Amino acid sequence: MANQDYPINEIISLEACSSCSLCADVCPAVLATGDGKLSGFYRLHLLKKLQRSRSGLWAKLFKTARMTEEELAQFGETVFKCTLCGNCQEVCPVGIRLNDIWVSLRQDLVHASAYPKKVDMIGQNIAESHNVFDEDNEERADWVDDMPDAPEDGLIRDQAEVVYFTGCVSAYFPMAQQIPIALARIFQAAEVDFTLLGEEEWCCGFPLLGAGLREMTAEVIEHNMAAVRKKGASTIVFACPSCYQMWKEHYPREFEIFHFTEYAYHLVQNGRVPLKKLPMTVTYHDPCDLGRNAKVYDKPRQLIRSLPGVKLVEMARNREKCACCGGGGNLEMIDKELSATIARDKIEEALATGAQTVVTACQQCVRTMNTYVKRNKIQLDVLDITQLIERALIDPDDGKGTE
């Protein structure tokens, strides 16, 4: 375990913390449990203590004793009970890039063997199977077979202008597979020249960051870049905000990249998506990685409002203040109960709007919220924005659709 896991700017920024504790006030884990040890404030306090105990000069100045193995293990448990939602970073009055520090801290704790051993599975699965679920990667595009009139080529073409990067959750998790199906149908209706990577698509690497395994990302980045180059594509589209954020922040900037909401908005505005009236009242949940972490707030709302008949009502907390669904940061693997409690708070807020449907733009948000809704028999539809648009598509057999 060493301070070398942190860039110098992160080490310096630790001392900028003003101990205001605003981060604790907005932390979904703290709000769900009342446990202050899950807050960014507590985490920074112990991290500064840890940093000082390693430096001879600082240790002498502050008389800081090294943490015991037991103390480190307990600290590790709290560090990984975090969704990496970015709410703490959003409210930090001195602008500390807290999410970057949390990722470095997780790597630090992995190097010290002071972390929940469940996260080892993520690294093993991606190394061996190239996806987080340890599924056969040759089956990554099998969801295409469930499409109506599934194309014979399986949507895997030799060359295309656009690559749709599906992501592990949408590729393998049954509840989320309706998202790539919907996206593909929208692209077909809009006559987008696109392809999947199929088994050549590997996990984007984002789960590795959350697992404290940053060193493993180089191989997947290199592989995925080569796979896209082979298709001759200039553009990559993601329905998964985590894949999108990973490519935006950690991959070389060789291709144009768009989240689906950004790309689809222009398709709709240019009249390329045939739409019928869809009388619905919906509320929109900002995914953490698309909203706070990628700053995409307007395009999803503009896209929803562009659908004929759809009325959008906002939740009490929205945009940069939007509450996390509980599905990020590998939290489900570490503490399912905590993840579900955070999801409960989110669903209660959605229900308070009076909307019949909560729409999001993230397969993990759909999965987390839908799981809670179904288990508790709550009358609320949970849809990805791709599924909402798919419902509004004019079927070619319907002529002009319903006016």
Protein backbone atom coordinates (compact mmCIF):
# COMPACT_ATOMS: atom_id res chain seq x y z
CA MET A 1 0.00 0.00 0.00
CA ALA A 2 1.59 3.29 -1.07
CA ASN A 3 0.85 6.92 -1.85
CA GLN A 4 2.01 6.25 -5.43
CA ASP A 5 -1.52 5.08 -6.23
CA TYR A 6 -2.52 8.76 -6.22
CA PRO A 7 -1.46 11.45 -8.71
CA ILE A 8 0.20 14.38 -6.97
CA ASN A 9 -2.81 16.65 -7.59
CA GLU A 10 -5.04 14.23 -5.65
CA ILE A 11 -2.63 14.12 -2.71
CA ILE A 12 -2.47 17.92 -2.61
CA SER A 13 -6.25 18.32 -2.93
CA LEU A 14 -6.81 16.27 0.23
CA GLU A 15 -5.56 19.19 2.27
CA ALA A 16 -8.11 21.51 0.63
CA CYS A 17 -11.00 19.79 2.43
CA SER A 18 -12.68 22.36 4.68
CA SER A 19 -14.47 19.71 6.81
CA CYS A 20 -17.84 21.26 5.94
CA SER A 21 -19.44 17.77 5.78
CA LEU A 22 -21.79 18.80 2.95
CA CYS A 23 -20.80 15.58 1.19
CA ALA A 24 -22.35 13.57 4.04
CA ASP A 25 -25.65 15.46 3.65
CA VAL A 26 -26.11 14.28 0.05
CA CYS A 27 -24.54 10.81 0.15
CA PRO A 28 -27.16 8.17 -0.78
CA ALA A 29 -25.47 5.53 1.39
CA VAL A 30 -25.49 7.81 4.43
CA LEU A 31 -29.08 8.88 3.82
CA ALA A 32 -30.15 5.24 3.49
CA THR A 33 -28.33 3.98 6.60
CA GLY A 34 -27.63 6.96 8.84
CA ASP A 35 -24.03 5.69 9.03
CA GLY A 36 -21.60 8.61 8.85
CA LYS A 37 -18.69 6.24 8.25
CA LEU A 38 -19.96 5.82 4.68
CA SER A 39 -19.60 9.53 3.95
CA GLY A 40 -16.96 11.24 1.89
CA PHE A 41 -16.11 13.38 4.90
CA TYR A 42 -15.18 10.34 7.00
CA ARG A 43 -13.38 8.73 4.06
CA LEU A 44 -11.22 11.80 3.48
CA HIS A 45 -10.45 12.08 7.19
CA LEU A 46 -9.11 8.53 7.33
CA LEU A 47 -7.34 8.84 4.00
CA LYS A 48 -5.45 11.91 5.21
CA LYS A 49 -4.50 10.00 8.34
CA LEU A 50 -3.35 7.12 6.18
CA GLN A 51 -1.27 9.36 3.92
CA ARG A 52 0.43 11.07 6.84
CA SER A 53 1.27 7.78 8.55
CA ARG A 54 3.26 6.72 5.49
CA SER A 55 5.45 9.79 5.28
CA GLY A 56 8.30 9.97 7.78
CA LEU A 57 8.13 13.76 8.09
CA TRP A 58 4.35 13.93 8.29
CA ALA A 59 4.24 11.02 10.71
CA LYS A 60 6.62 12.85 13.04
CA LEU A 61 4.81 16.18 12.73
CA PHE A 62 1.35 14.73 13.33
CA LYS A 63 2.45 11.79 15.50
CA THR A 64 0.35 9.53 13.27
CA ALA A 65 0.48 5.81 13.93
CA ARG A 66 0.03 3.37 11.07
CA MET A 67 -3.35 1.70 10.70
CA THR A 68 -3.53 -1.91 11.79
CA GLU A 69 -4.59 -4.57 9.31
CA GLU A 70 -7.94 -4.78 11.05
CA GLU A 71 -8.46 -1.02 10.82
CA LEU A 72 -7.54 -1.08 7.13
CA ALA A 73 -9.97 -3.92 6.46
CA GLN A 74 -12.79 -2.04 8.21
CA PHE A 75 -11.92 1.08 6.24
CA GLY A 76 -11.99 -0.94 3.01
CA GLU A 77 -15.50 -2.19 3.76
CA THR A 78 -16.77 1.39 4.04
CA VAL A 79 -14.92 2.61 0.95
CA PHE A 80 -16.54 0.00 -1.30
CA LYS A 81 -20.03 0.75 0.05
CA CYS A 82 -20.25 3.70 -2.30
CA THR A 83 -22.08 4.02 -5.62
CA LEU A 84 -19.52 6.49 -7.04
CA CYS A 85 -22.54 8.67 -7.85
CA GLY A 86 -20.58 11.93 -7.70
CA ASN A 87 -23.06 13.73 -5.45
CA CYS A 88 -20.31 14.50 -2.94
CA GLN A 89 -18.15 15.98 -5.69
CA GLU A 90 -21.05 18.05 -6.99
CA VAL A 91 -21.58 19.84 -3.67
CA CYS A 92 -17.93 20.15 -2.60
CA PRO A 93 -17.43 23.92 -2.07
CA VAL A 94 -13.70 23.78 -2.85
CA GLY A 95 -14.08 21.65 -5.97
CA ILE A 96 -12.17 18.52 -4.94
CA ARG A 97 -12.45 15.83 -7.63
CA LEU A 98 -13.66 13.27 -5.13
CA ASN A 99 -14.64 10.53 -7.58
CA ASP A 100 -11.08 10.38 -8.90
CA ILE A 101 -9.82 10.07 -5.34
CA TRP A 102 -12.30 7.28 -4.53
CA VAL A 103 -11.09 5.28 -7.55
CA SER A 104 -7.45 5.76 -6.53
CA LEU A 105 -8.31 4.83 -2.95
CA ARG A 106 -9.92 1.59 -4.08
CA GLN A 107 -6.80 0.72 -6.05
CA ASP A 108 -4.71 1.56 -2.98
CA LEU A 109 -6.79 -0.74 -0.79
CA VAL A 110 -6.61 -3.58 -3.33
CA HIS A 111 -2.82 -3.30 -3.29
CA ALA A 112 -2.99 -3.53 0.51
CA SER A 113 -5.36 -6.55 0.40
CA ALA A 114 -7.78 -4.48 2.50
CA TYR A 115 -10.91 -4.75 0.42
CA PRO A 116 -14.02 -6.95 0.08
CA LYS A 117 -12.76 -10.04 -1.73
CA LYS A 118 -16.00 -10.23 -3.75
CA VAL A 119 -14.56 -7.66 -6.15
CA ASP A 120 -11.87 -10.13 -7.22
CA MET A 121 -14.57 -11.78 -9.31
CA ILE A 122 -14.79 -8.72 -11.55
CA GLY A 123 -11.13 -8.84 -12.50
CA GLN A 124 -11.18 -12.61 -12.97
CA ASN A 125 -14.29 -12.55 -15.15
CA ILE A 126 -13.07 -9.77 -17.41
CA ALA A 127 -9.60 -11.30 -17.75
CA GLU A 128 -10.95 -14.74 -18.62
CA SER A 129 -14.28 -14.07 -20.37
CA HIS A 130 -14.01 -10.37 -21.32
CA ASN A 131 -17.29 -9.52 -19.57
CA VAL A 132 -18.27 -8.95 -15.94
CA PHE A 133 -20.66 -11.92 -15.79
CA ASP A 134 -18.22 -14.65 -16.89
CA GLU A 135 -20.52 -15.50 -19.78
CA ASP A 136 -19.36 -16.84 -23.13
CA ASN A 137 -18.29 -13.71 -25.00
CA GLU A 138 -19.27 -15.36 -28.27
CA GLU A 139 -22.86 -14.91 -27.06
CA ARG A 140 -22.55 -11.15 -26.52
CA ALA A 141 -24.87 -10.38 -29.45
CA ASP A 142 -27.30 -13.27 -28.96
CA TRP A 143 -30.00 -10.76 -27.94
CA VAL A 144 -30.38 -9.96 -31.64
CA ASP A 145 -32.15 -13.32 -32.08
CA ASP A 146 -35.01 -11.99 -29.91
CA MET A 147 -35.70 -9.09 -32.27
CA PRO A 148 -38.80 -9.20 -34.45
CA ASP A 149 -37.57 -10.06 -37.96
CA ALA A 150 -34.02 -10.60 -36.69
CA PRO A 151 -31.55 -9.89 -39.51
CA GLU A 152 -29.56 -12.82 -40.85
CA ASP A 153 -26.24 -11.04 -40.29
CA GLY A 154 -27.01 -10.61 -36.58
CA LEU A 155 -26.34 -6.86 -36.99
CA ILE A 156 -22.61 -7.67 -37.24
CA ARG A 157 -21.34 -6.12 -40.47
CA ASP A 158 -17.82 -6.02 -41.90
CA GLN A 159 -17.92 -2.23 -42.30
CA ALA A 160 -20.21 0.53 -41.01
CA GLU A 161 -20.17 4.23 -40.22
CA VAL A 162 -21.42 3.71 -36.66
CA VAL A 163 -20.55 1.12 -34.01
CA TYR A 164 -23.15 0.47 -31.33
CA PHE A 165 -21.16 -0.53 -28.24
CA THR A 166 -23.67 -2.60 -26.28
CA GLY A 167 -22.03 -3.06 -22.85
CA CYS A 168 -22.04 -6.12 -20.59
CA VAL A 169 -25.31 -5.57 -18.70
CA SER A 170 -27.42 -5.00 -21.82
CA ALA A 171 -25.73 -7.87 -23.63
CA TYR A 172 -26.35 -10.51 -20.98
CA PHE A 173 -28.92 -9.50 -18.37
CA PRO A 174 -32.42 -10.54 -19.55
CA MET A 175 -34.18 -7.54 -18.02
CA ALA A 176 -31.82 -5.15 -19.83
CA GLN A 177 -31.71 -6.89 -23.21
CA GLN A 178 -34.83 -5.01 -24.32
CA ILE A 179 -32.64 -1.87 -24.43
CA PRO A 180 -30.32 -2.94 -27.28
CA ILE A 181 -33.31 -4.43 -29.09
CA ALA A 182 -35.11 -1.08 -28.88
CA LEU A 183 -32.03 0.85 -29.95
CA ALA A 184 -31.44 -1.41 -32.92
CA ARG A 185 -35.07 -1.02 -34.05
CA ILE A 186 -34.77 2.78 -33.80
CA PHE A 187 -31.55 2.76 -35.82
CA GLN A 188 -33.15 0.50 -38.42
CA ALA A 189 -36.15 2.83 -38.69
CA ALA A 190 -33.81 5.81 -39.09
CA GLU A 191 -31.67 3.90 -41.62
CA VAL A 192 -28.48 4.36 -39.61
CA ASP A 193 -25.50 2.50 -41.06
CA PHE A 194 -24.42 0.67 -37.91
CA THR A 195 -22.87 -2.54 -36.68
CA LEU A 196 -22.24 -4.41 -33.47
CA LEU A 197 -18.79 -5.68 -32.53
CA GLY A 198 -20.20 -9.01 -31.38
CA GLU A 199 -17.68 -11.16 -29.56
CA GLU A 200 -14.97 -8.64 -30.43
CA GLU A 201 -16.57 -6.22 -27.97
CA TRP A 202 -14.94 -6.58 -24.57
CA CYS A 203 -16.05 -4.96 -21.32
CA CYS A 204 -15.25 -1.25 -21.57
CA GLY A 205 -13.18 -1.40 -18.36
CA PHE A 206 -15.35 0.81 -16.19
CA PRO A 207 -16.12 -1.97 -13.66
CA LEU A 208 -12.38 -2.45 -13.24
CA LEU A 209 -12.00 1.13 -12.01
CA GLY A 210 -14.73 0.58 -9.42
CA ALA A 211 -13.03 -2.64 -8.35
CA GLY A 212 -9.69 -0.93 -7.74
CA LEU A 213 -8.12 -2.69 -10.74
CA ARG A 214 -7.15 0.31 -12.86
CA GLU A 215 -3.99 -1.41 -14.17
CA MET A 216 -6.14 -3.96 -16.02
CA THR A 217 -7.88 -1.34 -18.19
CA ALA A 218 -5.03 -0.87 -20.67
CA GLU A 219 -5.58 -4.25 -22.34
CA VAL A 220 -9.34 -3.82 -22.83
CA ILE A 221 -8.88 -0.27 -24.12
CA GLU A 222 -6.33 -1.40 -26.69
CA HIS A 223 -8.52 -4.30 -27.80
CA ASN A 224 -11.73 -2.28 -28.16
CA MET A 225 -9.99 0.49 -30.08
CA ALA A 226 -8.62 -2.06 -32.55
CA ALA A 227 -12.05 -3.70 -32.93
CA VAL A 228 -13.69 -0.38 -33.87
CA ARG A 229 -10.88 0.53 -36.27
CA LYS A 230 -11.41 -2.80 -38.05
CA LYS A 231 -15.02 -1.81 -38.80
CA GLY A 232 -13.91 1.42 -40.46
CA ALA A 233 -16.32 3.35 -38.22
CA SER A 234 -15.95 7.01 -37.35
CA THR A 235 -18.64 7.11 -34.66
CA ILE A 236 -19.47 5.06 -31.56
CA VAL A 237 -22.86 5.20 -29.84
CA PHE A 238 -23.50 3.99 -26.29
CA ALA A 239 -26.76 3.42 -24.43
CA CYS A 240 -24.71 2.67 -21.30
CA PRO A 241 -23.55 5.85 -19.52
CA SER A 242 -20.68 4.02 -17.81
CA CYS A 243 -19.30 2.77 -21.14
CA TYR A 244 -19.76 6.28 -22.52
CA GLN A 245 -17.96 7.90 -19.60
CA MET A 246 -15.14 5.34 -19.76
CA TRP A 247 -14.53 6.00 -23.45
CA LYS A 248 -14.83 9.74 -22.96
CA GLU A 249 -12.34 9.97 -20.10
CA HIS A 250 -9.95 7.05 -20.53
CA TYR A 251 -9.81 6.04 -24.20
CA PRO A 252 -7.77 7.83 -26.92
CA ARG A 253 -9.88 10.42 -28.72
CA GLU A 254 -9.85 8.78 -32.13
CA PHE A 255 -13.59 8.47 -32.78
CA GLU A 256 -16.66 10.64 -32.34
CA ILE A 257 -18.57 9.28 -29.36
CA PHE A 258 -22.19 9.90 -28.39
CA HIS A 259 -24.55 8.70 -25.75
CA PHE A 260 -27.71 7.44 -27.41
CA THR A 261 -29.72 10.43 -26.16
CA GLU A 262 -27.37 12.84 -27.93
CA TYR A 263 -27.32 10.88 -31.18
CA ALA A 264 -31.04 10.04 -31.25
CA TYR A 265 -32.11 13.63 -30.56
CA HIS A 266 -30.59 14.73 -33.86
CA LEU A 267 -32.18 11.78 -35.66
CA VAL A 268 -35.60 12.82 -34.33
CA GLN A 269 -35.04 16.51 -35.06
CA ASN A 270 -34.10 15.67 -38.64
CA GLY A 271 -37.28 13.67 -39.11
CA ARG A 272 -35.50 10.35 -39.52
CA VAL A 273 -37.49 8.54 -36.80
CA PRO A 274 -41.18 7.99 -37.70
CA LEU A 275 -43.19 8.66 -34.54
CA LYS A 276 -46.82 8.28 -33.54
CA LYS A 277 -48.64 9.92 -30.64
CA LEU A 278 -47.88 8.31 -27.29
CA PRO A 279 -50.15 9.63 -24.51
CA MET A 280 -48.02 9.14 -21.40
CA THR A 281 -46.88 11.08 -18.36
CA VAL A 282 -43.32 10.24 -17.41
CA THR A 283 -40.64 11.43 -15.04
CA TYR A 284 -36.95 11.28 -15.88
CA HIS A 285 -34.17 9.90 -13.70
CA ASP A 286 -30.69 11.28 -14.47
CA PRO A 287 -28.18 8.42 -14.40
CA CYS A 288 -25.18 9.43 -12.28
CA ASP A 289 -22.61 8.65 -14.96
CA LEU A 290 -24.56 10.48 -17.67
CA GLY A 291 -25.67 13.43 -15.54
CA ARG A 292 -23.25 14.50 -12.82
CA ASN A 293 -20.27 12.66 -14.25
CA ALA A 294 -20.70 13.43 -17.98
CA LYS A 295 -22.86 16.59 -17.68
CA VAL A 296 -25.52 15.37 -20.14
CA TYR A 297 -28.78 16.78 -18.79
CA ASP A 298 -30.58 18.56 -21.62
CA LYS A 299 -30.57 16.09 -24.53
CA PRO A 300 -32.54 13.35 -22.72
CA ARG A 301 -35.21 15.86 -21.73
CA GLN A 302 -35.34 17.41 -25.19
CA LEU A 303 -35.66 13.92 -26.66
CA ILE A 304 -38.54 12.98 -24.35
CA ARG A 305 -40.35 16.25 -25.06
CA SER A 306 -39.98 15.67 -28.80
CA LEU A 307 -42.14 12.54 -28.59
CA PRO A 308 -45.76 13.39 -29.53
CA GLY A 309 -48.16 13.06 -26.61
CA VAL A 310 -45.52 12.46 -23.92
CA LYS A 311 -45.63 14.77 -20.90
CA LEU A 312 -42.52 15.10 -18.72
CA VAL A 313 -42.75 15.96 -15.02
CA GLU A 314 -39.63 16.41 -12.92
CA MET A 315 -38.80 14.78 -9.61
CA ALA A 316 -38.03 16.94 -6.60
CA ARG A 317 -34.33 16.19 -7.06
CA ASN A 318 -33.25 16.30 -10.68
CA ARG A 319 -30.34 17.13 -12.96
CA GLU A 320 -27.17 17.66 -10.87
CA LYS A 321 -29.13 17.02 -7.65
CA CYS A 322 -30.71 13.79 -8.87
CA ALA A 323 -30.70 10.98 -6.31
CA CYS A 324 -28.76 7.82 -7.18
CA CYS A 325 -30.68 4.61 -7.97
CA GLY A 326 -28.29 2.49 -5.88
CA GLY A 327 -26.86 0.50 -8.78
CA GLY A 328 -23.43 2.06 -9.29
CA GLY A 329 -19.94 1.50 -7.98
CA ASN A 330 -20.34 -2.31 -7.86
CA LEU A 331 -22.48 -1.77 -4.73
CA GLU A 332 -24.93 -4.57 -5.55
CA MET A 333 -22.08 -7.05 -5.28
CA ILE A 334 -20.87 -5.67 -1.95
CA ASP A 335 -24.15 -4.89 -0.17
CA LYS A 336 -27.42 -5.82 -1.93
CA GLU A 337 -29.51 -4.60 0.99
CA LEU A 338 -27.96 -1.14 0.91
CA SER A 339 -28.39 -0.96 -2.86
CA ALA A 340 -32.08 -1.89 -2.51
CA THR A 341 -32.65 0.70 0.24
CA ILE A 342 -31.20 3.43 -1.98
CA ALA A 343 -33.45 2.20 -4.82
CA ARG A 344 -36.48 2.39 -2.49
CA ASP A 345 -35.82 6.07 -1.81
CA LYS A 346 -35.52 6.70 -5.55
CA ILE A 347 -38.78 4.92 -6.38
CA GLU A 348 -40.66 6.78 -3.64
CA GLU A 349 -39.51 10.06 -5.15
CA ALA A 350 -40.61 8.96 -8.62
CA LEU A 351 -44.03 7.93 -7.33
CA ALA A 352 -44.50 11.33 -5.70
CA THR A 353 -44.55 12.97 -9.15
CA GLY A 354 -47.76 11.15 -10.10
CA ALA A 355 -46.13 9.85 -13.30
CA GLN A 356 -47.07 6.40 -14.49
CA THR A 357 -43.57 5.71 -15.79
CA VAL A 358 -40.04 6.54 -14.71
CA VAL A 359 -37.70 6.84 -17.69
CA THR A 360 -33.94 6.75 -17.47
CA ALA A 361 -31.04 6.41 -19.91
CA CYS A 362 -29.03 3.64 -18.28
CA GLN A 363 -29.42 -0.14 -18.27
CA GLN A 364 -28.13 -0.43 -14.70
CA CYS A 365 -30.65 2.14 -13.45
CA VAL A 366 -33.41 0.22 -15.24
CA ARG A 367 -32.23 -3.03 -13.70
CA THR A 368 -31.92 -1.65 -10.15
CA MET A 369 -35.21 0.25 -10.12
CA ASN A 370 -37.15 -2.47 -11.93
CA THR A 371 -35.89 -5.12 -9.52
CA TYR A 372 -37.15 -3.10 -6.56
CA VAL A 373 -40.49 -2.33 -8.23
CA LYS A 374 -41.19 -5.95 -9.14
CA ARG A 375 -40.12 -7.40 -5.80
CA ASN A 376 -42.37 -4.98 -3.97
CA LYS A 377 -45.28 -5.17 -6.46
CA ILE A 378 -45.30 -1.40 -7.05
CA GLN A 379 -47.48 0.01 -9.83
CA LEU A 380 -44.81 1.88 -11.76
CA ASP A 381 -43.27 1.22 -15.16
CA VAL A 382 -39.50 1.57 -15.45
CA LEU A 383 -38.21 2.16 -18.97
CA ASP A 384 -34.99 3.09 -20.67
CA ILE A 385 -35.38 6.01 -23.05
CA THR A 386 -34.72 3.64 -25.96
CA GLN A 387 -37.78 1.63 -24.95
CA LEU A 388 -39.89 4.77 -24.67
CA ILE A 389 -38.98 5.80 -28.22
CA GLU A 390 -39.56 2.26 -29.47
CA ARG A 391 -43.13 2.47 -28.14
CA ALA A 392 -43.62 5.62 -30.20
CA LEU A 393 -42.22 4.15 -33.42
CA ILE A 394 -44.66 3.95 -36.28
CA ASP A 395 -44.87 0.36 -37.44
CA PRO A 396 -44.46 0.24 -41.23
CA ASP A 397 -47.66 -1.84 -41.38
CA ASP A 398 -49.59 0.92 -39.61
CA GLY A 399 -49.15 3.52 -42.30
CA LYS A 400 -48.96 6.93 -40.71
CA GLY A 401 -49.89 5.73 -37.23
CA THR A 402 -52.21 7.44 -34.81
CA GLU A 403 -52.56 11.19 -35.09
